Amino acid sequence: MNKVAQVKDFIRAGIFVAASVTFLVAFVAPSAMAFVHSVQVSNQVNSIPEAVIRADRESAFRVVCPQYAAASTWERWTNGFYREISWCKDYENRL
């Protein structure tokens, strides 16, 4: 193998490494950072004491849950608002 061919192979390898690093930085790193952030947010939400959540729901169910009770099954499945207040099904007998 002559020197010119070796230099060309070296340049090709360098371009491949540069492209791989660019791909990792542009696509993989942001996804990993977003995943880590979502785990941190999830852990923050899960750190709220159960007693506080129950007390909050107890004070809000008379206002919020009639909307949940009036919604159709389709709305409860497809609308994010109703999915977030799906805890209202535990209070339907108290409305």
PDB file of N, CA and C in Angstrom:
ATOM      1  N   MET A   1       0.859  -1.166   0.000  1.00  0.00           N
ATOM      2  CA  MET A   1       0.000   0.000   0.000  1.00  0.00           C
ATOM      3  C   MET A   1       0.906   1.231   0.000  1.00  0.00           C
ATOM      4  N   ASN A   2       0.631   2.133  -0.889  1.00  0.00           N
ATOM      5  CA  ASN A   2       1.471   3.323  -0.965  1.00  0.00           C
ATOM      6  C   ASN A   2       0.999   4.384   0.018  1.00  0.00           C
ATOM      7  N   LYS A   3       1.759   5.428   0.156  1.00  0.00           N
ATOM      8  CA  LYS A   3       1.492   6.488   1.128  1.00  0.00           C
ATOM      9  C   LYS A   3       0.198   7.226   0.839  1.00  0.00           C
ATOM     10  N   VAL A   4      -0.121   7.460  -0.420  1.00  0.00           N
ATOM     11  CA  VAL A   4      -1.339   8.195  -0.787  1.00  0.00           C
ATOM     12  C   VAL A   4      -2.568   7.401  -0.345  1.00  0.00           C
ATOM     13  N   ALA A   5      -2.539   6.098  -0.562  1.00  0.00           N
ATOM     14  CA  ALA A   5      -3.657   5.252  -0.157  1.00  0.00           C
ATOM     15  C   ALA A   5      -3.798   5.233   1.358  1.00  0.00           C
ATOM     16  N   GLN A   6      -2.667   5.225   2.067  1.00  0.00           N
ATOM     17  CA  GLN A   6      -2.717   5.251   3.529  1.00  0.00           C
ATOM     18  C   GLN A   6      -3.307   6.558   4.041  1.00  0.00           C
ATOM     19  N   VAL A   7      -2.931   7.660   3.430  1.00  0.00           N
ATOM     20  CA  VAL A   7      -3.461   8.969   3.832  1.00  0.00           C
ATOM     21  C   VAL A   7      -4.958   9.027   3.560  1.00  0.00           C
ATOM     22  N   LYS A   8      -5.390   8.519   2.403  1.00  0.00           N
ATOM     23  CA  LYS A   8      -6.822   8.508   2.075  1.00  0.00           C
ATOM     24  C   LYS A   8      -7.603   7.659   3.081  1.00  0.00           C
ATOM     25  N   ASP A   9      -7.059   6.502   3.429  1.00  0.00           N
ATOM     26  CA  ASP A   9      -7.724   5.646   4.419  1.00  0.00           C
ATOM     27  C   ASP A   9      -7.790   6.333   5.781  1.00  0.00           C
ATOM     28  N   PHE A  10      -6.713   7.021   6.151  1.00  0.00           N
ATOM     29  CA  PHE A  10      -6.687   7.747   7.416  1.00  0.00           C
ATOM     30  C   PHE A  10      -7.739   8.854   7.428  1.00  0.00           C
ATOM     31  N   ILE A  11      -7.863   9.569   6.337  1.00  0.00           N
ATOM     32  CA  ILE A  11      -8.862  10.654   6.232  1.00  0.00           C
ATOM     33  C   ILE A  11     -10.268  10.076   6.293  1.00  0.00           C
ATOM     34  N   ARG A  12     -10.494   8.973   5.587  1.00  0.00           N
ATOM     35  CA  ARG A  12     -11.827   8.333   5.632  1.00  0.00           C
ATOM     36  C   ARG A  12     -12.173   7.909   7.067  1.00  0.00           C
ATOM     37  N   ALA A  13     -11.225   7.338   7.755  1.00  0.00           N
ATOM     38  CA  ALA A  13     -11.460   6.913   9.136  1.00  0.00           C
ATOM     39  C   ALA A  13     -11.753   8.126  10.018  1.00  0.00           C
ATOM     40  N   GLY A  14     -11.037   9.214   9.803  1.00  0.00           N
ATOM     41  CA  GLY A  14     -11.274  10.433  10.571  1.00  0.00           C
ATOM     42  C   GLY A  14     -12.651  11.003  10.309  1.00  0.00           C
ATOM     43  N   ILE A  15     -13.073  10.976   9.056  1.00  0.00           N
ATOM     44  CA  ILE A  15     -14.407  11.471   8.705  1.00  0.00           C
ATOM     45  C   ILE A  15     -15.480  10.591   9.352  1.00  0.00           C
ATOM     46  N   PHE A  16     -15.262   9.281   9.339  1.00  0.00           N
ATOM     47  CA  PHE A  16     -16.224   8.373   9.966  1.00  0.00           C
ATOM     48  C   PHE A  16     -16.325   8.646  11.459  1.00  0.00           C
ATOM     49  N   VAL A  17     -15.203   8.822  12.123  1.00  0.00           N
ATOM     50  CA  VAL A  17     -15.204   9.103  13.562  1.00  0.00           C
ATOM     51  C   VAL A  17     -15.893  10.438  13.826  1.00  0.00           C
ATOM     52  N   ALA A  18     -15.584  11.448  13.028  1.00  0.00           N
ATOM     53  CA  ALA A  18     -16.211  12.763  13.211  1.00  0.00           C
ATOM     54  C   ALA A  18     -17.718  12.676  13.004  1.00  0.00           C
ATOM     55  N   ALA A  19     -18.164  11.932  12.002  1.00  0.00           N
ATOM     56  CA  ALA A  19     -19.597  11.780  11.755  1.00  0.00           C
ATOM     57  C   ALA A  19     -20.267  11.020  12.894  1.00  0.00           C
ATOM     58  N   SER A  20     -19.599  10.015  13.421  1.00  0.00           N
ATOM     59  CA  SER A  20     -20.171   9.251  14.539  1.00  0.00           C
ATOM     60  C   SER A  20     -20.313  10.121  15.778  1.00  0.00           C
ATOM     61  N   VAL A  21     -19.295  10.904  16.067  1.00  0.00           N
ATOM     62  CA  VAL A  21     -19.349  11.786  17.239  1.00  0.00           C
ATOM     63  C   VAL A  21     -20.442  12.830  17.046  1.00  0.00           C
ATOM     64  N   THR A  22     -20.549  13.383  15.844  1.00  0.00           N
ATOM     65  CA  THR A  22     -21.594  14.371  15.559  1.00  0.00           C
ATOM     66  C   THR A  22     -22.973  13.762  15.760  1.00  0.00           C
ATOM     67  N   PHE A  23     -23.175  12.542  15.284  1.00  0.00           N
ATOM     68  CA  PHE A  23     -24.456  11.866  15.466  1.00  0.00           C
ATOM     69  C   PHE A  23     -24.758  11.681  16.946  1.00  0.00           C
ATOM     70  N   LEU A  24     -23.769  11.215  17.707  1.00  0.00           N
ATOM     71  CA  LEU A  24     -23.991  11.004  19.128  1.00  0.00           C
ATOM     72  C   LEU A  24     -24.338  12.300  19.845  1.00  0.00           C
ATOM     73  N   VAL A  25     -23.625  13.355  19.535  1.00  0.00           N
ATOM     74  CA  VAL A  25     -23.865  14.635  20.195  1.00  0.00           C
ATOM     75  C   VAL A  25     -25.211  15.220  19.777  1.00  0.00           C
ATOM     76  N   ALA A  26     -25.558  15.078  18.516  1.00  0.00           N
ATOM     77  CA  ALA A  26     -26.782  15.706  18.005  1.00  0.00           C
ATOM     78  C   ALA A  26     -28.055  14.935  18.355  1.00  0.00           C
ATOM     79  N   PHE A  27     -27.983  13.603  18.386  1.00  0.00           N
ATOM     80  CA  PHE A  27     -29.212  12.830  18.538  1.00  0.00           C
ATOM     81  C   PHE A  27     -29.290  12.012  19.826  1.00  0.00           C
ATOM     82  N   VAL A  28     -28.242  11.343  20.185  1.00  0.00           N
ATOM     83  CA  VAL A  28     -28.294  10.446  21.326  1.00  0.00           C
ATOM     84  C   VAL A  28     -28.221  11.217  22.644  1.00  0.00           C
ATOM     85  N   ALA A  29     -27.316  12.172  22.748  1.00  0.00           N
ATOM     86  CA  ALA A  29     -27.160  12.910  24.000  1.00  0.00           C
ATOM     87  C   ALA A  29     -28.428  13.661  24.402  1.00  0.00           C
ATOM     88  N   PRO A  30     -29.087  14.408  23.487  1.00  0.00           N
ATOM     89  CA  PRO A  30     -30.322  15.089  23.911  1.00  0.00           C
ATOM     90  C   PRO A  30     -31.415  14.120  24.367  1.00  0.00           C
ATOM     91  N   SER A  31     -31.515  12.977  23.708  1.00  0.00           N
ATOM     92  CA  SER A  31     -32.511  11.989  24.118  1.00  0.00           C
ATOM     93  C   SER A  31     -32.199  11.459  25.507  1.00  0.00           C
ATOM     94  N   ALA A  32     -30.938  11.200  25.761  1.00  0.00           N
ATOM     95  CA  ALA A  32     -30.547  10.711  27.083  1.00  0.00           C
ATOM     96  C   ALA A  32     -30.799  11.777  28.139  1.00  0.00           C
ATOM     97  N   MET A  33     -30.507  13.029  27.806  1.00  0.00           N
ATOM     98  CA  MET A  33     -30.732  14.108  28.764  1.00  0.00           C
ATOM     99  C   MET A  33     -32.230  14.284  29.024  1.00  0.00           C
ATOM    100  N   ALA A  34     -33.062  14.165  27.991  1.00  0.00           N
ATOM    101  CA  ALA A  34     -34.505  14.278  28.172  1.00  0.00           C
ATOM    102  C   ALA A  34     -35.027  13.140  29.046  1.00  0.00           C
ATOM    103  N   PHE A  35     -34.490  11.939  28.855  1.00  0.00           N
ATOM    104  CA  PHE A  35     -34.909  10.804  29.675  1.00  0.00           C
ATOM    105  C   PHE A  35     -34.546  11.040  31.138  1.00  0.00           C
ATOM    106  N   VAL A  36     -33.321  11.508  31.385  1.00  0.00           N
ATOM    107  CA  VAL A  36     -32.892  11.775  32.759  1.00  0.00           C
ATOM    108  C   VAL A  36     -33.784  12.834  33.386  1.00  0.00           C
ATOM    109  N   HIS A  37     -34.115  13.874  32.614  1.00  0.00           N
ATOM    110  CA  HIS A  37     -34.987  14.926  33.134  1.00  0.00           C
ATOM    111  C   HIS A  37     -36.370  14.377  33.471  1.00  0.00           C
ATOM    112  N   SER A  38     -36.918  13.523  32.609  1.00  0.00           N
ATOM    113  CA  SER A  38     -38.245  12.967  32.884  1.00  0.00           C
ATOM    114  C   SER A  38     -38.230  12.095  34.133  1.00  0.00           C
ATOM    115  N   VAL A  39     -37.147  11.371  34.363  1.00  0.00           N
ATOM    116  CA  VAL A  39     -37.032  10.552  35.569  1.00  0.00           C
ATOM    117  C   VAL A  39     -36.971  11.449  36.797  1.00  0.00           C
ATOM    118  N   GLN A  40     -36.222  12.559  36.702  1.00  0.00           N
ATOM    119  CA  GLN A  40     -36.131  13.486  37.828  1.00  0.00           C
ATOM    120  C   GLN A  40     -37.489  14.091  38.141  1.00  0.00           C
ATOM    121  N   VAL A  41     -38.228  14.507  37.103  1.00  0.00           N
ATOM    122  CA  VAL A  41     -39.560  15.082  37.309  1.00  0.00           C
ATOM    123  C   VAL A  41     -40.489  14.033  37.903  1.00  0.00           C
ATOM    124  N   SER A  42     -40.409  12.816  37.392  1.00  0.00           N
ATOM    125  CA  SER A  42     -41.242  11.731  37.915  1.00  0.00           C
ATOM    126  C   SER A  42     -40.949  11.494  39.389  1.00  0.00           C
ATOM    127  N   ASN A  43     -39.691  11.530  39.753  1.00  0.00           N
ATOM    128  CA  ASN A  43     -39.330  11.328  41.151  1.00  0.00           C
ATOM    129  C   ASN A  43     -39.828  12.472  42.021  1.00  0.00           C
ATOM    130  N   GLN A  44     -39.839  13.691  41.486  1.00  0.00           N
ATOM    131  CA  GLN A  44     -40.352  14.820  42.250  1.00  0.00           C
ATOM    132  C   GLN A  44     -41.845  14.662  42.496  1.00  0.00           C
ATOM    133  N   VAL A  45     -42.571  14.232  41.467  1.00  0.00           N
ATOM    134  CA  VAL A  45     -44.016  14.033  41.612  1.00  0.00           C
ATOM    135  C   VAL A  45     -44.289  12.922  42.617  1.00  0.00           C
ATOM    136  N   ASN A  46     -43.506  11.864  42.545  1.00  0.00           N
ATOM    137  CA  ASN A  46     -43.715  10.730  43.444  1.00  0.00           C
ATOM    138  C   ASN A  46     -43.292  11.025  44.873  1.00  0.00           C
ATOM    139  N   SER A  47     -42.626  12.151  45.100  1.00  0.00           N
ATOM    140  CA  SER A  47     -42.174  12.455  46.448  1.00  0.00           C
ATOM    141  C   SER A  47     -43.230  13.200  47.263  1.00  0.00           C
ATOM    142  N   ILE A  48     -44.384  13.517  46.651  1.00  0.00           N
ATOM    143  CA  ILE A  48     -45.466  14.171  47.390  1.00  0.00           C
ATOM    144  C   ILE A  48     -46.107  13.124  48.305  1.00  0.00           C
ATOM    145  N   PRO A  49     -46.223  13.405  49.588  1.00  0.00           N
ATOM    146  CA  PRO A  49     -46.807  12.431  50.505  1.00  0.00           C
ATOM    147  C   PRO A  49     -48.250  12.080  50.129  1.00  0.00           C
ATOM    148  N   GLU A  50     -48.591  10.835  50.289  1.00  0.00           N
ATOM    149  CA  GLU A  50     -49.929  10.339  49.941  1.00  0.00           C
ATOM    150  C   GLU A  50     -51.015  11.082  50.708  1.00  0.00           C
ATOM    151  N   ALA A  51     -50.758  11.428  51.949  1.00  0.00           N
ATOM    152  CA  ALA A  51     -51.758  12.141  52.753  1.00  0.00           C
ATOM    153  C   ALA A  51     -52.071  13.514  52.161  1.00  0.00           C
ATOM    154  N   VAL A  52     -51.072  14.170  51.600  1.00  0.00           N
ATOM    155  CA  VAL A  52     -51.286  15.481  50.971  1.00  0.00           C
ATOM    156  C   VAL A  52     -52.128  15.322  49.706  1.00  0.00           C
ATOM    157  N   ILE A  53     -51.840  14.300  48.931  1.00  0.00           N
ATOM    158  CA  ILE A  53     -52.608  14.050  47.706  1.00  0.00           C
ATOM    159  C   ILE A  53     -54.065  13.752  48.056  1.00  0.00           C
ATOM    160  N   ARG A  54     -54.285  12.890  49.044  1.00  0.00           N
ATOM    161  CA  ARG A  54     -55.658  12.557  49.445  1.00  0.00           C
ATOM    162  C   ARG A  54     -56.407  13.778  49.942  1.00  0.00           C
ATOM    163  N   ALA A  55     -55.760  14.609  50.748  1.00  0.00           N
ATOM    164  CA  ALA A  55     -56.408  15.816  51.275  1.00  0.00           C
ATOM    165  C   ALA A  55     -56.758  16.782  50.146  1.00  0.00           C
ATOM    166  N   ASP A  56     -55.879  16.900  49.174  1.00  0.00           N
ATOM    167  CA  ASP A  56     -56.127  17.783  48.034  1.00  0.00           C
ATOM    168  C   ASP A  56     -57.311  17.276  47.214  1.00  0.00           C
ATOM    169  N   ARG A  57     -57.347  15.995  46.967  1.00  0.00           N
ATOM    170  CA  ARG A  57     -58.456  15.415  46.204  1.00  0.00           C
ATOM    171  C   ARG A  57     -59.771  15.537  46.971  1.00  0.00           C
ATOM    172  N   GLU A  58     -59.696  15.344  48.269  1.00  0.00           N
ATOM    173  CA  GLU A  58     -60.900  15.445  49.103  1.00  0.00           C
ATOM    174  C   GLU A  58     -61.491  16.857  49.025  1.00  0.00           C
ATOM    175  N   SER A  59     -60.641  17.851  49.009  1.00  0.00           N
ATOM    176  CA  SER A  59     -61.146  19.226  48.968  1.00  0.00           C
ATOM    177  C   SER A  59     -61.602  19.630  47.570  1.00  0.00           C
ATOM    178  N   ALA A  60     -61.145  18.938  46.533  1.00  0.00           N
ATOM    179  CA  ALA A  60     -61.458  19.347  45.162  1.00  0.00           C
ATOM    180  C   ALA A  60     -62.513  18.491  44.473  1.00  0.00           C
ATOM    181  N   PHE A  61     -62.861  17.354  45.034  1.00  0.00           N
ATOM    182  CA  PHE A  61     -63.684  16.419  44.258  1.00  0.00           C
ATOM    183  C   PHE A  61     -65.069  16.960  43.938  1.00  0.00           C
ATOM    184  N   ARG A  62     -65.659  17.789  44.782  1.00  0.00           N
ATOM    185  CA  ARG A  62     -67.006  18.317  44.512  1.00  0.00           C
ATOM    186  C   ARG A  62     -67.023  19.256  43.313  1.00  0.00           C
ATOM    187  N   VAL A  63     -65.886  19.873  43.010  1.00  0.00           N
ATOM    188  CA  VAL A  63     -65.805  20.789  41.872  1.00  0.00           C
ATOM    189  C   VAL A  63     -65.344  20.065  40.607  1.00  0.00           C
ATOM    190  N   VAL A  64     -64.348  19.207  40.748  1.00  0.00           N
ATOM    191  CA  VAL A  64     -63.708  18.590  39.587  1.00  0.00           C
ATOM    192  C   VAL A  64     -64.439  17.337  39.105  1.00  0.00           C
ATOM    193  N   CYS A  65     -64.879  16.507  40.009  1.00  0.00           N
ATOM    194  CA  CYS A  65     -65.404  15.190  39.638  1.00  0.00           C
ATOM    195  C   CYS A  65     -66.728  15.202  38.888  1.00  0.00           C
ATOM    196  N   PRO A  66     -67.612  16.196  39.058  1.00  0.00           N
ATOM    197  CA  PRO A  66     -68.809  16.195  38.207  1.00  0.00           C
ATOM    198  C   PRO A  66     -68.479  16.260  36.712  1.00  0.00           C
ATOM    199  N   GLN A  67     -67.393  16.947  36.365  1.00  0.00           N
ATOM    200  CA  GLN A  67     -66.970  16.980  34.958  1.00  0.00           C
ATOM    201  C   GLN A  67     -66.530  15.592  34.500  1.00  0.00           C
ATOM    202  N   TYR A  68     -65.821  14.895  35.368  1.00  0.00           N
ATOM    203  CA  TYR A  68     -65.368  13.545  35.041  1.00  0.00           C
ATOM    204  C   TYR A  68     -66.570  12.607  34.891  1.00  0.00           C
ATOM    205  N   ALA A  69     -67.546  12.722  35.790  1.00  0.00           N
ATOM    206  CA  ALA A  69     -68.724  11.863  35.741  1.00  0.00           C
ATOM    207  C   ALA A  69     -69.552  12.127  34.485  1.00  0.00           C
ATOM    208  N   ALA A  70     -69.574  13.376  34.018  1.00  0.00           N
ATOM    209  CA  ALA A  70     -70.357  13.723  32.831  1.00  0.00           C
ATOM    210  C   ALA A  70     -69.659  13.336  31.530  1.00  0.00           C
ATOM    211  N   ALA A  71     -68.374  13.071  31.576  1.00  0.00           N
ATOM    212  CA  ALA A  71     -67.621  12.745  30.360  1.00  0.00           C
ATOM    213  C   ALA A  71     -67.935  11.322  29.901  1.00  0.00           C
ATOM    214  N   SER A  72     -67.893  11.146  28.599  1.00  0.00           N
ATOM    215  CA  SER A  72     -68.107   9.810  28.045  1.00  0.00           C
ATOM    216  C   SER A  72     -66.851   8.961  28.240  1.00  0.00           C
ATOM    217  N   THR A  73     -67.006   7.671  28.053  1.00  0.00           N
ATOM    218  CA  THR A  73     -65.856   6.777  28.162  1.00  0.00           C
ATOM    219  C   THR A  73     -64.788   7.173  27.156  1.00  0.00           C
ATOM    220  N   TRP A  74     -65.198   7.512  25.952  1.00  0.00           N
ATOM    221  CA  TRP A  74     -64.256   7.931  24.910  1.00  0.00           C
ATOM    222  C   TRP A  74     -63.471   9.167  25.358  1.00  0.00           C
ATOM    223  N   GLU A  75     -64.149  10.148  25.930  1.00  0.00           N
ATOM    224  CA  GLU A  75     -63.468  11.350  26.412  1.00  0.00           C
ATOM    225  C   GLU A  75     -62.488  11.005  27.529  1.00  0.00           C
ATOM    226  N   ARG A  76     -62.882  10.102  28.402  1.00  0.00           N
ATOM    227  CA  ARG A  76     -61.990   9.711  29.496  1.00  0.00           C
ATOM    228  C   ARG A  76     -60.739   9.017  28.971  1.00  0.00           C
ATOM    229  N   TRP A  77     -60.877   8.274  27.882  1.00  0.00           N
ATOM    230  CA  TRP A  77     -59.731   7.565  27.311  1.00  0.00           C
ATOM    231  C   TRP A  77     -58.826   8.479  26.497  1.00  0.00           C
ATOM    232  N   THR A  78     -59.419   9.449  25.790  1.00  0.00           N
ATOM    233  CA  THR A  78     -58.645  10.206  24.811  1.00  0.00           C
ATOM    234  C   THR A  78     -58.266  11.608  25.247  1.00  0.00           C
ATOM    235  N   ASN A  79     -58.912  12.150  26.251  1.00  0.00           N
ATOM    236  CA  ASN A  79     -58.637  13.515  26.679  1.00  0.00           C
ATOM    237  C   ASN A  79     -57.712  13.476  27.892  1.00  0.00           C
ATOM    238  N   GLY A  80     -56.556  14.134  27.786  1.00  0.00           N
ATOM    239  CA  GLY A  80     -55.573  14.121  28.860  1.00  0.00           C
ATOM    240  C   GLY A  80     -56.110  14.670  30.169  1.00  0.00           C
ATOM    241  N   PHE A  81     -57.016  15.650  30.097  1.00  0.00           N
ATOM    242  CA  PHE A  81     -57.583  16.230  31.314  1.00  0.00           C
ATOM    243  C   PHE A  81     -58.305  15.154  32.121  1.00  0.00           C
ATOM    244  N   TYR A  82     -59.114  14.364  31.443  1.00  0.00           N
ATOM    245  CA  TYR A  82     -59.872  13.330  32.157  1.00  0.00           C
ATOM    246  C   TYR A  82     -58.973  12.194  32.633  1.00  0.00           C
ATOM    247  N   ARG A  83     -57.907  11.908  31.889  1.00  0.00           N
ATOM    248  CA  ARG A  83     -56.966  10.883  32.359  1.00  0.00           C
ATOM    249  C   ARG A  83     -56.273  11.342  33.634  1.00  0.00           C
ATOM    250  N   GLU A  84     -55.971  12.635  33.723  1.00  0.00           N
ATOM    251  CA  GLU A  84     -55.301  13.153  34.921  1.00  0.00           C
ATOM    252  C   GLU A  84     -56.211  13.159  36.146  1.00  0.00           C
ATOM    253  N   ILE A  85     -57.512  13.254  35.924  1.00  0.00           N
ATOM    254  CA  ILE A  85     -58.431  13.248  37.066  1.00  0.00           C
ATOM    255  C   ILE A  85     -59.184  11.926  37.153  1.00  0.00           C
ATOM    256  N   SER A  86     -58.572  10.862  36.669  1.00  0.00           N
ATOM    257  CA  SER A  86     -59.222   9.545  36.730  1.00  0.00           C
ATOM    258  C   SER A  86     -59.411   9.078  38.171  1.00  0.00           C
ATOM    259  N   TRP A  87     -58.744   9.718  39.105  1.00  0.00           N
ATOM    260  CA  TRP A  87     -58.952   9.416  40.521  1.00  0.00           C
ATOM    261  C   TRP A  87     -60.388   9.713  40.937  1.00  0.00           C
ATOM    262  N   CYS A  88     -61.114  10.489  40.144  1.00  0.00           N
ATOM    263  CA  CYS A  88     -62.503  10.837  40.467  1.00  0.00           C
ATOM    264  C   CYS A  88     -63.415   9.613  40.506  1.00  0.00           C
ATOM    265  N   LYS A  89     -63.033   8.528  39.824  1.00  0.00           N
ATOM    266  CA  LYS A  89     -63.908   7.343  39.851  1.00  0.00           C
ATOM    267  C   LYS A  89     -64.049   6.802  41.270  1.00  0.00           C
ATOM    268  N   ASP A  90     -63.067   7.100  42.130  1.00  0.00           N
ATOM    269  CA  ASP A  90     -63.168   6.697  43.540  1.00  0.00           C
ATOM    270  C   ASP A  90     -64.184   7.544  44.307  1.00  0.00           C
ATOM    271  N   TYR A  91     -64.582   8.681  43.747  1.00  0.00           N
ATOM    272  CA  TYR A  91     -65.494   9.608  44.434  1.00  0.00           C
ATOM    273  C   TYR A  91     -66.883   9.660  43.791  1.00  0.00           C
ATOM    274  N   GLU A  92     -67.121   8.870  42.769  1.00  0.00           N
ATOM    275  CA  GLU A  92     -68.418   8.935  42.053  1.00  0.00           C
ATOM    276  C   GLU A  92     -69.603   8.647  42.974  1.00  0.00           C
ATOM    277  N   ASN A  93     -69.434   7.780  43.917  1.00  0.00           N
ATOM    278  CA  ASN A  93     -70.566   7.445  44.813  1.00  0.00           C
ATOM    279  C   ASN A  93     -70.839   8.566  45.826  1.00  0.00           C
ATOM    280  N   ARG A  94     -69.956   9.560  45.897  1.00  0.00           N
ATOM    281  CA  ARG A  94     -70.144  10.652  46.861  1.00  0.00           C
ATOM    282  C   ARG A  94     -70.641  11.935  46.198  1.00  0.00           C
ATOM    283  N   LEU A  95     -70.889  11.883  44.914  1.00  0.00           N
ATOM    284  CA  LEU A  95     -71.353  13.105  44.214  1.00  0.00           C
ATOM    285  C   LEU A  95     -72.852  13.314  44.407  1.00  0.00           C
TER     286      LEU A  95
END
